[in-house]
PDB file of N, CA and C in Angstrom:
ATOM      1  N   GLN A   1     164.532 -87.140 216.080  1.00  0.00           N
ATOM      2  CA  GLN A   1     163.798 -86.973 217.322  1.00  0.00           C
ATOM      3  C   GLN A   1     164.408 -87.830 218.430  1.00  0.00           C
ATOM      4  N   VAL A   2     164.442 -87.268 219.624  1.00  0.00           N
ATOM      5  CA  VAL A   2     164.898 -87.970 220.812  1.00  0.00           C
ATOM      6  C   VAL A   2     163.683 -88.329 221.646  1.00  0.00           C
ATOM      7  N   GLN A   3     163.601 -89.584 222.036  1.00  0.00           N
ATOM      8  CA  GLN A   3     162.510 -90.052 222.876  1.00  0.00           C
ATOM      9  C   GLN A   3     162.979 -90.130 224.325  1.00  0.00           C
ATOM     10  N   LEU A   4     162.201 -89.564 225.238  1.00  0.00           N
ATOM     11  CA  LEU A   4     162.502 -89.585 226.658  1.00  0.00           C
ATOM     12  C   LEU A   4     161.334 -90.212 227.402  1.00  0.00           C
ATOM     13  N   VAL A   5     161.625 -91.164 228.273  1.00  0.00           N
ATOM     14  CA  VAL A   5     160.590 -91.861 229.022  1.00  0.00           C
ATOM     15  C   VAL A   5     160.942 -91.840 230.498  1.00  0.00           C
ATOM     16  N   GLU A   6     160.098 -91.171 231.299  1.00  0.00           N
ATOM     17  CA  GLU A   6     160.303 -91.106 232.738  1.00  0.00           C
ATOM     18  C   GLU A   6     159.622 -92.286 233.425  1.00  0.00           C
ATOM     19  N   SER A   7     160.168 -92.678 234.564  1.00  0.00           N
ATOM     20  CA  SER A   7     159.555 -93.709 235.383  1.00  0.00           C
ATOM     21  C   SER A   7     159.979 -93.498 236.832  1.00  0.00           C
ATOM     22  N   GLY A   8     159.297 -94.169 237.743  1.00  0.00           N
ATOM     23  CA  GLY A   8     159.661 -94.135 239.146  1.00  0.00           C
ATOM     24  C   GLY A   8     158.785 -93.269 240.023  1.00  0.00           C
ATOM     25  N   GLY A   9     157.838 -92.558 239.428  1.00  0.00           N
ATOM     26  CA  GLY A   9     156.939 -91.747 240.223  1.00  0.00           C
ATOM     27  C   GLY A   9     155.971 -92.599 241.014  1.00  0.00           C
ATOM     28  N   GLY A  10     155.289 -91.963 241.949  1.00  0.00           N
ATOM     29  CA  GLY A  10     154.334 -92.678 242.763  1.00  0.00           C
ATOM     30  C   GLY A  10     153.945 -91.889 243.992  1.00  0.00           C
ATOM     31  N   LEU A  11     153.331 -92.586 244.936  1.00  0.00           N
ATOM     32  CA  LEU A  11     152.869 -91.997 246.187  1.00  0.00           C
ATOM     33  C   LEU A  11     153.834 -92.353 247.305  1.00  0.00           C
ATOM     34  N   VAL A  12     154.245 -91.348 248.059  1.00  0.00           N
ATOM     35  CA  VAL A  12     155.179 -91.565 249.154  1.00  0.00           C
ATOM     36  C   VAL A  12     154.804 -90.640 250.309  1.00  0.00           C
ATOM     37  N   GLN A  13     155.077 -91.076 251.524  1.00  0.00           N
ATOM     38  CA  GLN A  13     154.816 -90.250 252.692  1.00  0.00           C
ATOM     39  C   GLN A  13     155.899 -89.195 252.862  1.00  0.00           C
ATOM     40  N   ALA A  14     155.529 -88.085 253.487  1.00  0.00           N
ATOM     41  CA  ALA A  14     156.501 -87.037 253.778  1.00  0.00           C
ATOM     42  C   ALA A  14     157.685 -87.615 254.541  1.00  0.00           C
ATOM     43  N   GLY A  15     158.879 -87.194 254.136  1.00  0.00           N
ATOM     44  CA  GLY A  15     160.096 -87.712 254.725  1.00  0.00           C
ATOM     45  C   GLY A  15     160.670 -88.906 254.000  1.00  0.00           C
ATOM     46  N   GLY A  16     159.910 -89.465 253.089  1.00  0.00           N
ATOM     47  CA  GLY A  16     160.349 -90.626 252.349  1.00  0.00           C
ATOM     48  C   GLY A  16     161.198 -90.273 251.152  1.00  0.00           C
ATOM     49  N   SER A  17     161.547 -91.296 250.384  1.00  0.00           N
ATOM     50  CA  SER A  17     162.427 -91.143 249.237  1.00  0.00           C
ATOM     51  C   SER A  17     161.829 -91.786 248.003  1.00  0.00           C
ATOM     52  N   LEU A  18     162.270 -91.302 246.860  1.00  0.00           N
ATOM     53  CA  LEU A  18     161.838 -91.819 245.579  1.00  0.00           C
ATOM     54  C   LEU A  18     162.958 -91.564 244.582  1.00  0.00           C
ATOM     55  N   ARG A  19     163.138 -92.464 243.638  1.00  0.00           N
ATOM     56  CA  ARG A  19     164.121 -92.260 242.588  1.00  0.00           C
ATOM     57  C   ARG A  19     163.440 -92.288 241.233  1.00  0.00           C
ATOM     58  N   LEU A  20     163.570 -91.194 240.505  1.00  0.00           N
ATOM     59  CA  LEU A  20     163.038 -91.102 239.161  1.00  0.00           C
ATOM     60  C   LEU A  20     164.120 -91.463 238.152  1.00  0.00           C
ATOM     61  N   SER A  21     163.702 -92.103 237.075  1.00  0.00           N
ATOM     62  CA  SER A  21     164.602 -92.439 235.987  1.00  0.00           C
ATOM     63  C   SER A  21     164.075 -91.857 234.691  1.00  0.00           C
ATOM     64  N   CYS A  22     164.970 -91.514 233.802  1.00  0.00           N
ATOM     65  CA  CYS A  22     164.614 -91.026 232.477  1.00  0.00           C
ATOM     66  C   CYS A  22     165.500 -91.725 231.471  1.00  0.00           C
ATOM     67  N   ALA A  23     164.893 -92.567 230.657  1.00  0.00           N
ATOM     68  CA  ALA A  23     165.615 -93.302 229.630  1.00  0.00           C
ATOM     69  C   ALA A  23     165.496 -92.569 228.305  1.00  0.00           C
ATOM     70  N   ALA A  24     166.624 -92.368 227.638  1.00  0.00           N
ATOM     71  CA  ALA A  24     166.668 -91.617 226.395  1.00  0.00           C
ATOM     72  C   ALA A  24     167.111 -92.488 225.241  1.00  0.00           C
ATOM     73  N   SER A  25     166.552 -92.207 224.085  1.00  0.00           N
ATOM     74  CA  SER A  25     167.013 -92.848 222.862  1.00  0.00           C
ATOM     75  C   SER A  25     168.141 -92.024 222.255  1.00  0.00           C
ATOM     76  N   GLY A  26     168.813 -92.599 221.277  1.00  0.00           N
ATOM     77  CA  GLY A  26     169.826 -91.856 220.550  1.00  0.00           C
ATOM     78  C   GLY A  26     171.242 -92.211 220.933  1.00  0.00           C
ATOM     79  N   ARG A  27     172.122 -92.161 219.943  1.00  0.00           N
ATOM     80  CA  ARG A  27     173.527 -92.492 220.162  1.00  0.00           C
ATOM     81  C   ARG A  27     174.325 -91.329 220.724  1.00  0.00           C
ATOM     82  N   THR A  28     173.752 -90.126 220.740  1.00  0.00           N
ATOM     83  CA  THR A  28     174.456 -88.933 221.187  1.00  0.00           C
ATOM     84  C   THR A  28     174.029 -88.475 222.571  1.00  0.00           C
ATOM     85  N   PHE A  29     173.440 -89.368 223.360  1.00  0.00           N
ATOM     86  CA  PHE A  29     172.982 -89.018 224.697  1.00  0.00           C
ATOM     87  C   PHE A  29     174.093 -88.393 225.531  1.00  0.00           C
ATOM     88  N   SER A  30     175.297 -88.904 225.392  1.00  0.00           N
ATOM     89  CA  SER A  30     176.403 -88.417 226.208  1.00  0.00           C
ATOM     90  C   SER A  30     176.745 -86.961 225.940  1.00  0.00           C
ATOM     91  N   ARG A  31     176.274 -86.404 224.838  1.00  0.00           N
ATOM     92  CA  ARG A  31     176.523 -85.007 224.506  1.00  0.00           C
ATOM     93  C   ARG A  31     175.323 -84.102 224.795  1.00  0.00           C
ATOM     94  N   TYR A  32     174.267 -84.642 225.397  1.00  0.00           N
ATOM     95  CA  TYR A  32     173.115 -83.845 225.797  1.00  0.00           C
ATOM     96  C   TYR A  32     173.257 -83.428 227.249  1.00  0.00           C
ATOM     97  N   SER A  33     172.837 -82.206 227.549  1.00  0.00           N
ATOM     98  CA  SER A  33     172.581 -81.827 228.927  1.00  0.00           C
ATOM     99  C   SER A  33     171.167 -82.270 229.279  1.00  0.00           C
ATOM    100  N   MET A  34     170.981 -82.763 230.487  1.00  0.00           N
ATOM    101  CA  MET A  34     169.692 -83.307 230.899  1.00  0.00           C
ATOM    102  C   MET A  34     169.166 -82.540 232.106  1.00  0.00           C
ATOM    103  N   GLY A  35     167.871 -82.273 232.097  1.00  0.00           N
ATOM    104  CA  GLY A  35     167.261 -81.531 233.183  1.00  0.00           C
ATOM    105  C   GLY A  35     165.982 -82.166 233.682  1.00  0.00           C
ATOM    106  N   TRP A  36     165.654 -81.845 234.918  1.00  0.00           N
ATOM    107  CA  TRP A  36     164.369 -82.214 235.510  1.00  0.00           C
ATOM    108  C   TRP A  36     163.607 -80.941 235.852  1.00  0.00           C
ATOM    109  N   PHE A  37     162.347 -80.901 235.455  1.00  0.00           N
ATOM    110  CA  PHE A  37     161.436 -79.822 235.780  1.00  0.00           C
ATOM    111  C   PHE A  37     160.196 -80.424 236.420  1.00  0.00           C
ATOM    112  N   ARG A  38     159.427 -79.604 237.098  1.00  0.00           N
ATOM    113  CA  ARG A  38     158.197 -80.101 237.711  1.00  0.00           C
ATOM    114  C   ARG A  38     157.110 -79.039 237.654  1.00  0.00           C
ATOM    115  N   GLN A  39     155.871 -79.510 237.679  1.00  0.00           N
ATOM    116  CA  GLN A  39     154.728 -78.617 237.680  1.00  0.00           C
ATOM    117  C   GLN A  39     153.702 -79.145 238.676  1.00  0.00           C
ATOM    118  N   GLY A  40     153.515 -78.415 239.768  1.00  0.00           N
ATOM    119  CA  GLY A  40     152.539 -78.780 240.773  1.00  0.00           C
ATOM    120  C   GLY A  40     151.163 -78.271 240.415  1.00  0.00           C
ATOM    121  N   PRO A  41     150.136 -78.725 241.150  1.00  0.00           N
ATOM    122  CA  PRO A  41     148.757 -78.298 240.870  1.00  0.00           C
ATOM    123  C   PRO A  41     148.610 -76.784 240.974  1.00  0.00           C
ATOM    124  N   GLY A  42     148.113 -76.170 239.916  1.00  0.00           N
ATOM    125  CA  GLY A  42     147.894 -74.734 239.910  1.00  0.00           C
ATOM    126  C   GLY A  42     149.155 -73.895 239.909  1.00  0.00           C
ATOM    127  N   LYS A  43     150.295 -74.501 239.606  1.00  0.00           N
ATOM    128  CA  LYS A  43     151.561 -73.788 239.629  1.00  0.00           C
ATOM    129  C   LYS A  43     152.212 -73.782 238.251  1.00  0.00           C
ATOM    130  N   GLU A  44     153.169 -72.890 238.087  1.00  0.00           N
ATOM    131  CA  GLU A  44     153.954 -72.849 236.863  1.00  0.00           C
ATOM    132  C   GLU A  44     155.022 -73.935 236.885  1.00  0.00           C
ATOM    133  N   ARG A  45     155.471 -74.324 235.710  1.00  0.00           N
ATOM    134  CA  ARG A  45     156.558 -75.280 235.622  1.00  0.00           C
ATOM    135  C   ARG A  45     157.838 -74.643 236.155  1.00  0.00           C
ATOM    136  N   GLU A  46     158.592 -75.387 236.955  1.00  0.00           N
ATOM    137  CA  GLU A  46     159.788 -74.848 237.561  1.00  0.00           C
ATOM    138  C   GLU A  46     160.973 -75.792 237.397  1.00  0.00           C
ATOM    139  N   PHE A  47     162.141 -75.207 237.380  1.00  0.00           N
ATOM    140  CA  PHE A  47     163.385 -75.945 237.284  1.00  0.00           C
ATOM    141  C   PHE A  47     163.660 -76.691 238.577  1.00  0.00           C
ATOM    142  N   VAL A  48     164.148 -77.919 238.464  1.00  0.00           N
ATOM    143  CA  VAL A  48     164.493 -78.726 239.625  1.00  0.00           C
ATOM    144  C   VAL A  48     165.994 -78.988 239.684  1.00  0.00           C
ATOM    145  N   ALA A  49     166.531 -79.590 238.636  1.00  0.00           N
ATOM    146  CA  ALA A  49     167.944 -79.950 238.615  1.00  0.00           C
ATOM    147  C   ALA A  49     168.376 -80.201 237.184  1.00  0.00           C
ATOM    148  N   ALA A  50     169.668 -80.080 236.930  1.00  0.00           N
ATOM    149  CA  ALA A  50     170.209 -80.364 235.610  1.00  0.00           C
ATOM    150  C   ALA A  50     171.626 -80.883 235.736  1.00  0.00           C
ATOM    151  N   ILE A  51     172.015 -81.690 234.766  1.00  0.00           N
ATOM    152  CA  ILE A  51     173.388 -82.168 234.666  1.00  0.00           C
ATOM    153  C   ILE A  51     173.808 -82.034 233.207  1.00  0.00           C
ATOM    154  N   THR A  52     174.881 -81.294 232.971  1.00  0.00           N
ATOM    155  CA  THR A  52     175.326 -81.050 231.608  1.00  0.00           C
ATOM    156  C   THR A  52     176.056 -82.257 231.060  1.00  0.00           C
ATOM    157  N   TRP A  53     176.374 -82.193 229.769  1.00  0.00           N
ATOM    158  CA  TRP A  53     177.080 -83.317 229.154  1.00  0.00           C
ATOM    159  C   TRP A  53     178.490 -83.458 229.706  1.00  0.00           C
ATOM    160  N   THR A  54     179.012 -82.382 230.322  1.00  0.00           N
ATOM    161  CA  THR A  54     180.301 -82.445 230.988  1.00  0.00           C
ATOM    162  C   THR A  54     180.169 -82.790 232.473  1.00  0.00           C
ATOM    163  N   SER A  55     178.937 -83.096 232.915  1.00  0.00           N
ATOM    164  CA  SER A  55     178.609 -83.489 234.281  1.00  0.00           C
ATOM    165  C   SER A  55     178.668 -82.343 235.286  1.00  0.00           C
ATOM    166  N   TYR A  56     178.501 -81.112 234.812  1.00  0.00           N
ATOM    167  CA  TYR A  56     178.309 -79.995 235.715  1.00  0.00           C
ATOM    168  C   TYR A  56     176.861 -79.996 236.176  1.00  0.00           C
ATOM    169  N   ILE A  57     176.622 -79.771 237.463  1.00  0.00           N
ATOM    170  CA  ILE A  57     175.307 -79.949 238.066  1.00  0.00           C
ATOM    171  C   ILE A  57     174.752 -78.646 238.614  1.00  0.00           C
ATOM    172  N   TYR A  58     173.449 -78.451 238.402  1.00  0.00           N
ATOM    173  CA  TYR A  58     172.718 -77.311 238.934  1.00  0.00           C
ATOM    174  C   TYR A  58     171.500 -77.825 239.703  1.00  0.00           C
ATOM    175  N   TYR A  59     171.157 -77.154 240.811  1.00  0.00           N
ATOM    176  CA  TYR A  59     169.957 -77.463 241.569  1.00  0.00           C
ATOM    177  C   TYR A  59     169.170 -76.196 241.861  1.00  0.00           C
ATOM    178  N   ALA A  60     167.850 -76.340 241.896  1.00  0.00           N
ATOM    179  CA  ALA A  60     167.022 -75.281 242.440  1.00  0.00           C
ATOM    180  C   ALA A  60     167.258 -75.189 243.945  1.00  0.00           C
ATOM    181  N   ASP A  61     167.172 -73.980 244.486  1.00  0.00           N
ATOM    182  CA  ASP A  61     167.386 -73.799 245.915  1.00  0.00           C
ATOM    183  C   ASP A  61     166.419 -74.642 246.752  1.00  0.00           C
ATOM    184  N   SER A  62     165.217 -74.849 246.263  1.00  0.00           N
ATOM    185  CA  SER A  62     164.197 -75.555 247.015  1.00  0.00           C
ATOM    186  C   SER A  62     164.504 -77.041 247.208  1.00  0.00           C
ATOM    187  N   VAL A  63     165.393 -77.604 246.391  1.00  0.00           N
ATOM    188  CA  VAL A  63     165.694 -79.032 246.487  1.00  0.00           C
ATOM    189  C   VAL A  63     167.145 -79.302 246.854  1.00  0.00           C
ATOM    190  N   LYS A  64     167.964 -78.284 246.909  1.00  0.00           N
ATOM    191  CA  LYS A  64     169.383 -78.463 247.205  1.00  0.00           C
ATOM    192  C   LYS A  64     169.564 -79.121 248.573  1.00  0.00           C
ATOM    193  N   GLY A  65     170.377 -80.154 248.611  1.00  0.00           N
ATOM    194  CA  GLY A  65     170.603 -80.904 249.833  1.00  0.00           C
ATOM    195  C   GLY A  65     169.667 -82.070 250.019  1.00  0.00           C
ATOM    196  N   ARG A  66     168.587 -82.124 249.245  1.00  0.00           N
ATOM    197  CA  ARG A  66     167.617 -83.212 249.338  1.00  0.00           C
ATOM    198  C   ARG A  66     167.601 -84.085 248.085  1.00  0.00           C
ATOM    199  N   PHE A  67     167.769 -83.469 246.924  1.00  0.00           N
ATOM    200  CA  PHE A  67     167.715 -84.182 245.658  1.00  0.00           C
ATOM    201  C   PHE A  67     169.119 -84.327 245.076  1.00  0.00           C
ATOM    202  N   THR A  68     169.334 -85.403 244.341  1.00  0.00           N
ATOM    203  CA  THR A  68     170.596 -85.636 243.658  1.00  0.00           C
ATOM    204  C   THR A  68     170.330 -86.070 242.227  1.00  0.00           C
ATOM    205  N   ILE A  69     170.924 -85.361 241.277  1.00  0.00           N
ATOM    206  CA  ILE A  69     170.813 -85.740 239.874  1.00  0.00           C
ATOM    207  C   ILE A  69     172.094 -86.461 239.464  1.00  0.00           C
ATOM    208  N   SER A  70     171.946 -87.470 238.637  1.00  0.00           N
ATOM    209  CA  SER A  70     173.097 -88.205 238.136  1.00  0.00           C
ATOM    210  C   SER A  70     172.763 -88.765 236.763  1.00  0.00           C
ATOM    211  N   ARG A  71     173.779 -89.237 236.069  1.00  0.00           N
ATOM    212  CA  ARG A  71     173.548 -89.829 234.760  1.00  0.00           C
ATOM    213  C   ARG A  71     174.465 -91.020 234.557  1.00  0.00           C
ATOM    214  N   ASP A  72     173.987 -91.961 233.769  1.00  0.00           N
ATOM    215  CA  ASP A  72     174.754 -93.127 233.381  1.00  0.00           C
ATOM    216  C   ASP A  72     174.719 -93.164 231.860  1.00  0.00           C
ATOM    217  N   ASN A  73     175.776 -92.666 231.245  1.00  0.00           N
ATOM    218  CA  ASN A  73     175.794 -92.553 229.790  1.00  0.00           C
ATOM    219  C   ASN A  73     175.770 -93.922 229.107  1.00  0.00           C
ATOM    220  N   ALA A  74     176.331 -94.929 229.754  1.00  0.00           N
ATOM    221  CA  ALA A  74     176.320 -96.272 229.182  1.00  0.00           C
ATOM    222  C   ALA A  74     174.905 -96.822 229.081  1.00  0.00           C
ATOM    223  N   LYS A  75     173.996 -96.344 229.941  1.00  0.00           N
ATOM    224  CA  LYS A  75     172.609 -96.787 229.936  1.00  0.00           C
ATOM    225  C   LYS A  75     171.662 -95.761 229.332  1.00  0.00           C
ATOM    226  N   ASN A  76     172.192 -94.653 228.836  1.00  0.00           N
ATOM    227  CA  ASN A  76     171.365 -93.570 228.291  1.00  0.00           C
ATOM    228  C   ASN A  76     170.273 -93.146 229.271  1.00  0.00           C
ATOM    229  N   THR A  77     170.648 -93.011 230.531  1.00  0.00           N
ATOM    230  CA  THR A  77     169.671 -92.757 231.576  1.00  0.00           C
ATOM    231  C   THR A  77     170.141 -91.660 232.522  1.00  0.00           C
ATOM    232  N   VAL A  78     169.208 -90.793 232.912  1.00  0.00           N
ATOM    233  CA  VAL A  78     169.452 -89.795 233.935  1.00  0.00           C
ATOM    234  C   VAL A  78     168.525 -90.095 235.106  1.00  0.00           C
ATOM    235  N   TYR A  79     169.002 -89.844 236.322  1.00  0.00           N
ATOM    236  CA  TYR A  79     168.261 -90.166 237.524  1.00  0.00           C
ATOM    237  C   TYR A  79     168.046 -88.918 238.371  1.00  0.00           C
ATOM    238  N   LEU A  80     166.983 -88.944 239.151  1.00  0.00           N
ATOM    239  CA  LEU A  80     166.758 -87.933 240.171  1.00  0.00           C
ATOM    240  C   LEU A  80     166.419 -88.654 241.468  1.00  0.00           C
ATOM    241  N   GLN A  81     167.373 -88.695 242.371  1.00  0.00           N
ATOM    242  CA  GLN A  81     167.151 -89.275 243.685  1.00  0.00           C
ATOM    243  C   GLN A  81     166.558 -88.200 244.585  1.00  0.00           C
ATOM    244  N   MET A  82     165.376 -88.454 245.128  1.00  0.00           N
ATOM    245  CA  MET A  82     164.660 -87.482 245.938  1.00  0.00           C
ATOM    246  C   MET A  82     164.533 -88.019 247.357  1.00  0.00           C
ATOM    247  N   ASN A  83     165.152 -87.343 248.297  1.00  0.00           N
ATOM    248  CA  ASN A  83     165.098 -87.713 249.702  1.00  0.00           C
ATOM    249  C   ASN A  83     164.394 -86.625 250.502  1.00  0.00           C
ATOM    250  N   SER A  84     163.986 -86.976 251.711  1.00  0.00           N
ATOM    251  CA  SER A  84     163.323 -86.034 252.608  1.00  0.00           C
ATOM    252  C   SER A  84     162.191 -85.297 251.908  1.00  0.00           C
ATOM    253  N   LEU A  85     161.353 -86.043 251.235  1.00  0.00           N
ATOM    254  CA  LEU A  85     160.292 -85.444 250.433  1.00  0.00           C
ATOM    255  C   LEU A  85     159.273 -84.714 251.293  1.00  0.00           C
ATOM    256  N   LYS A  86     158.770 -83.623 250.737  1.00  0.00           N
ATOM    257  CA  LYS A  86     157.788 -82.777 251.397  1.00  0.00           C
ATOM    258  C   LYS A  86     156.517 -82.719 250.557  1.00  0.00           C
ATOM    259  N   PRO A  87     155.371 -82.431 251.171  1.00  0.00           N
ATOM    260  CA  PRO A  87     154.141 -82.309 250.379  1.00  0.00           C
ATOM    261  C   PRO A  87     154.261 -81.303 249.237  1.00  0.00           C
ATOM    262  N   GLU A  88     155.029 -80.253 249.414  1.00  0.00           N
ATOM    263  CA  GLU A  88     155.191 -79.263 248.360  1.00  0.00           C
ATOM    264  C   GLU A  88     156.009 -79.764 247.179  1.00  0.00           C
ATOM    265  N   ASP A  89     156.601 -80.959 247.301  1.00  0.00           N
ATOM    266  CA  ASP A  89     157.270 -81.586 246.169  1.00  0.00           C
ATOM    267  C   ASP A  89     156.290 -82.277 245.230  1.00  0.00           C
ATOM    268  N   THR A  90     155.032 -82.367 245.629  1.00  0.00           N
ATOM    269  CA  THR A  90     154.018 -83.004 244.799  1.00  0.00           C
ATOM    270  C   THR A  90     153.898 -82.277 243.468  1.00  0.00           C
ATOM    271  N   ALA A  91     154.066 -83.015 242.380  1.00  0.00           N
ATOM    272  CA  ALA A  91     154.049 -82.414 241.055  1.00  0.00           C
ATOM    273  C   ALA A  91     154.191 -83.503 240.007  1.00  0.00           C
ATOM    274  N   VAL A  92     153.953 -83.123 238.763  1.00  0.00           N
ATOM    275  CA  VAL A  92     154.360 -83.950 237.641  1.00  0.00           C
ATOM    276  C   VAL A  92     155.800 -83.577 237.317  1.00  0.00           C
ATOM    277  N   TYR A  93     156.665 -84.567 237.279  1.00  0.00           N
ATOM    278  CA  TYR A  93     158.078 -84.347 237.019  1.00  0.00           C
ATOM    279  C   TYR A  93     158.404 -84.706 235.577  1.00  0.00           C
ATOM    280  N   TYR A  94     159.071 -83.789 234.898  1.00  0.00           N
ATOM    281  CA  TYR A  94     159.410 -83.952 233.495  1.00  0.00           C
ATOM    282  C   TYR A  94     160.914 -84.021 233.297  1.00  0.00           C
ATOM    283  N   CYS A  95     161.337 -84.931 232.463  1.00  0.00           N
ATOM    284  CA  CYS A  95     162.711 -85.035 232.024  1.00  0.00           C
ATOM    285  C   CYS A  95     162.855 -84.304 230.697  1.00  0.00           C
ATOM    286  N   ALA A  96     163.964 -83.612 230.496  1.00  0.00           N
ATOM    287  CA  ALA A  96     164.185 -82.870 229.264  1.00  0.00           C
ATOM    288  C   ALA A  96     165.639 -82.948 228.842  1.00  0.00           C
ATOM    289  N   ALA A  97     165.859 -82.845 227.540  1.00  0.00           N
ATOM    290  CA  ALA A  97     167.196 -82.891 226.968  1.00  0.00           C
ATOM    291  C   ALA A  97     167.496 -81.592 226.240  1.00  0.00           C
ATOM    292  N   LYS A  98     168.715 -81.098 226.424  1.00  0.00           N
ATOM    293  CA  LYS A  98     169.165 -79.855 225.814  1.00  0.00           C
ATOM    294  C   LYS A  98     170.376 -80.144 224.947  1.00  0.00           C
ATOM    295  N   THR A  99     170.344 -79.678 223.725  1.00  0.00           N
ATOM    296  CA  THR A  99     171.415 -79.964 222.771  1.00  0.00           C
ATOM    297  C   THR A  99     172.348 -78.787 222.541  1.00  0.00           C
ATOM    298  N   THR A 100     172.055 -77.628 223.128  1.00  0.00           N
ATOM    299  CA  THR A 100     172.858 -76.431 222.952  1.00  0.00           C
ATOM    300  C   THR A 100     173.574 -76.081 224.240  1.00  0.00           C
ATOM    301  N   GLY A 101     174.377 -75.033 224.171  1.00  0.00           N
ATOM    302  CA  GLY A 101     175.088 -74.562 225.340  1.00  0.00           C
ATOM    303  C   GLY A 101     174.363 -73.495 226.129  1.00  0.00           C
ATOM    304  N   LEU A 102     173.086 -73.273 225.837  1.00  0.00           N
ATOM    305  CA  LEU A 102     172.295 -72.289 226.559  1.00  0.00           C
ATOM    306  C   LEU A 102     172.031 -72.743 227.985  1.00  0.00           C
ATOM    307  N   SER A 103     171.627 -71.806 228.834  1.00  0.00           N
ATOM    308  CA  SER A 103     171.463 -72.040 230.264  1.00  0.00           C
ATOM    309  C   SER A 103     170.610 -73.261 230.569  1.00  0.00           C
ATOM    310  N   SER A 104     171.069 -74.077 231.504  1.00  0.00           N
ATOM    311  CA  SER A 104     170.360 -75.282 231.910  1.00  0.00           C
ATOM    312  C   SER A 104     169.181 -75.014 232.824  1.00  0.00           C
ATOM    313  N   ARG A 105     169.020 -73.806 233.327  1.00  0.00           N
ATOM    314  CA  ARG A 105     167.983 -73.488 234.301  1.00  0.00           C
ATOM    315  C   ARG A 105     166.659 -73.067 233.694  1.00  0.00           C
ATOM    316  N   TYR A 106     166.581 -72.926 232.383  1.00  0.00           N
ATOM    317  CA  TYR A 106     165.371 -72.406 231.741  1.00  0.00           C
ATOM    318  C   TYR A 106     164.796 -73.413 230.765  1.00  0.00           C
ATOM    319  N   ASP A 107     163.496 -73.696 230.933  1.00  0.00           N
ATOM    320  CA  ASP A 107     162.857 -74.731 230.136  1.00  0.00           C
ATOM    321  C   ASP A 107     162.847 -74.414 228.647  1.00  0.00           C
ATOM    322  N   ILE A 108     162.838 -73.130 228.290  1.00  0.00           N
ATOM    323  CA  ILE A 108     162.797 -72.762 226.880  1.00  0.00           C
ATOM    324  C   ILE A 108     164.054 -73.188 226.139  1.00  0.00           C
ATOM    325  N   ASN A 109     165.116 -73.515 226.851  1.00  0.00           N
ATOM    326  CA  ASN A 109     166.364 -73.904 226.216  1.00  0.00           C
ATOM    327  C   ASN A 109     166.467 -75.402 225.947  1.00  0.00           C
ATOM    328  N   TYR A 110     165.455 -76.165 226.341  1.00  0.00           N
ATOM    329  CA  TYR A 110     165.459 -77.610 226.137  1.00  0.00           C
ATOM    330  C   TYR A 110     164.722 -77.987 224.863  1.00  0.00           C
ATOM    331  N   ASP A 111     165.218 -79.011 224.203  1.00  0.00           N
ATOM    332  CA  ASP A 111     164.730 -79.382 222.887  1.00  0.00           C
ATOM    333  C   ASP A 111     163.785 -80.579 222.880  1.00  0.00           C
ATOM    334  N   TYR A 112     163.914 -81.466 223.847  1.00  0.00           N
ATOM    335  CA  TYR A 112     163.096 -82.674 223.908  1.00  0.00           C
ATOM    336  C   TYR A 112     162.581 -82.883 225.318  1.00  0.00           C
ATOM    337  N   TRP A 113     161.358 -83.416 225.403  1.00  0.00           N
ATOM    338  CA  TRP A 113     160.680 -83.588 226.686  1.00  0.00           C
ATOM    339  C   TRP A 113     160.035 -84.952 226.794  1.00  0.00           C
ATOM    340  N   GLY A 114     160.051 -85.504 228.000  1.00  0.00           N
ATOM    341  CA  GLY A 114     159.324 -86.715 228.278  1.00  0.00           C
ATOM    342  C   GLY A 114     157.869 -86.428 228.586  1.00  0.00           C
ATOM    343  N   GLN A 115     157.116 -87.470 228.850  1.00  0.00           N
ATOM    344  CA  GLN A 115     155.677 -87.345 229.080  1.00  0.00           C
ATOM    345  C   GLN A 115     155.328 -86.952 230.505  1.00  0.00           C
ATOM    346  N   GLY A 116     156.271 -87.055 231.409  1.00  0.00           N
ATOM    347  CA  GLY A 116     156.050 -86.716 232.800  1.00  0.00           C
ATOM    348  C   GLY A 116     155.672 -87.915 233.643  1.00  0.00           C
ATOM    349  N   THR A 117     156.022 -87.851 234.920  1.00  0.00           N
ATOM    350  CA  THR A 117     155.643 -88.880 235.874  1.00  0.00           C
ATOM    351  C   THR A 117     155.168 -88.204 237.159  1.00  0.00           C
ATOM    352  N   GLN A 118     154.068 -88.696 237.701  1.00  0.00           N
ATOM    353  CA  GLN A 118     153.439 -88.066 238.859  1.00  0.00           C
ATOM    354  C   GLN A 118     154.143 -88.475 240.141  1.00  0.00           C
ATOM    355  N   VAL A 119     154.472 -87.484 240.960  1.00  0.00           N
ATOM    356  CA  VAL A 119     154.993 -87.703 242.305  1.00  0.00           C
ATOM    357  C   VAL A 119     154.029 -87.057 243.282  1.00  0.00           C
ATOM    358  N   THR A 120     153.513 -87.847 244.206  1.00  0.00           N
ATOM    359  CA  THR A 120     152.598 -87.343 245.216  1.00  0.00           C
ATOM    360  C   THR A 120     153.165 -87.640 246.594  1.00  0.00           C
ATOM    361  N   VAL A 121     153.319 -86.599 247.398  1.00  0.00           N
ATOM    362  CA  VAL A 121     153.862 -86.730 248.747  1.00  0.00           C
ATOM    363  C   VAL A 121     152.752 -86.410 249.731  1.00  0.00           C
ATOM    364  N   SER A 122     152.394 -87.374 250.533  1.00  0.00           N
ATOM    365  CA  SER A 122     151.323 -87.202 251.502  1.00  0.00           C
ATOM    366  C   SER A 122     151.890 -86.785 252.848  1.00  0.00           C
ATOM    367  N   SER A 123     151.084 -86.073 253.613  1.00  0.00           N
ATOM    368  CA  SER A 123     151.480 -85.630 254.947  1.00  0.00           C
ATOM    369  C   SER A 123     150.890 -86.512 256.030  1.00  0.00           C
TER     370      SER A 123
END
């Protein structure tokens, strides 16, 4: 089992920034693709960003240009830097790990999930 722990969520005003972190257990972290998903109130879970084990990056159109995903394999950690936050970014943000070569954009392809961290953007 891989343990994932998200941190860095909180309350921020519109236009502000927040950085989420996801710390992973395991010696094979460098071979996992890592993704961020979110679920807002009354909404379905949606893809936000992903970075593969080869460091190829994908973003949802809704966050492209505002969010940046990165990873530090030496620290077993993936980050989501969120800038220019909007109220519609309010959601629980989940970190996930994928061990296969299946598409990084779909939650069903991920094998391990964190507990989630709340991000609230006020107007």
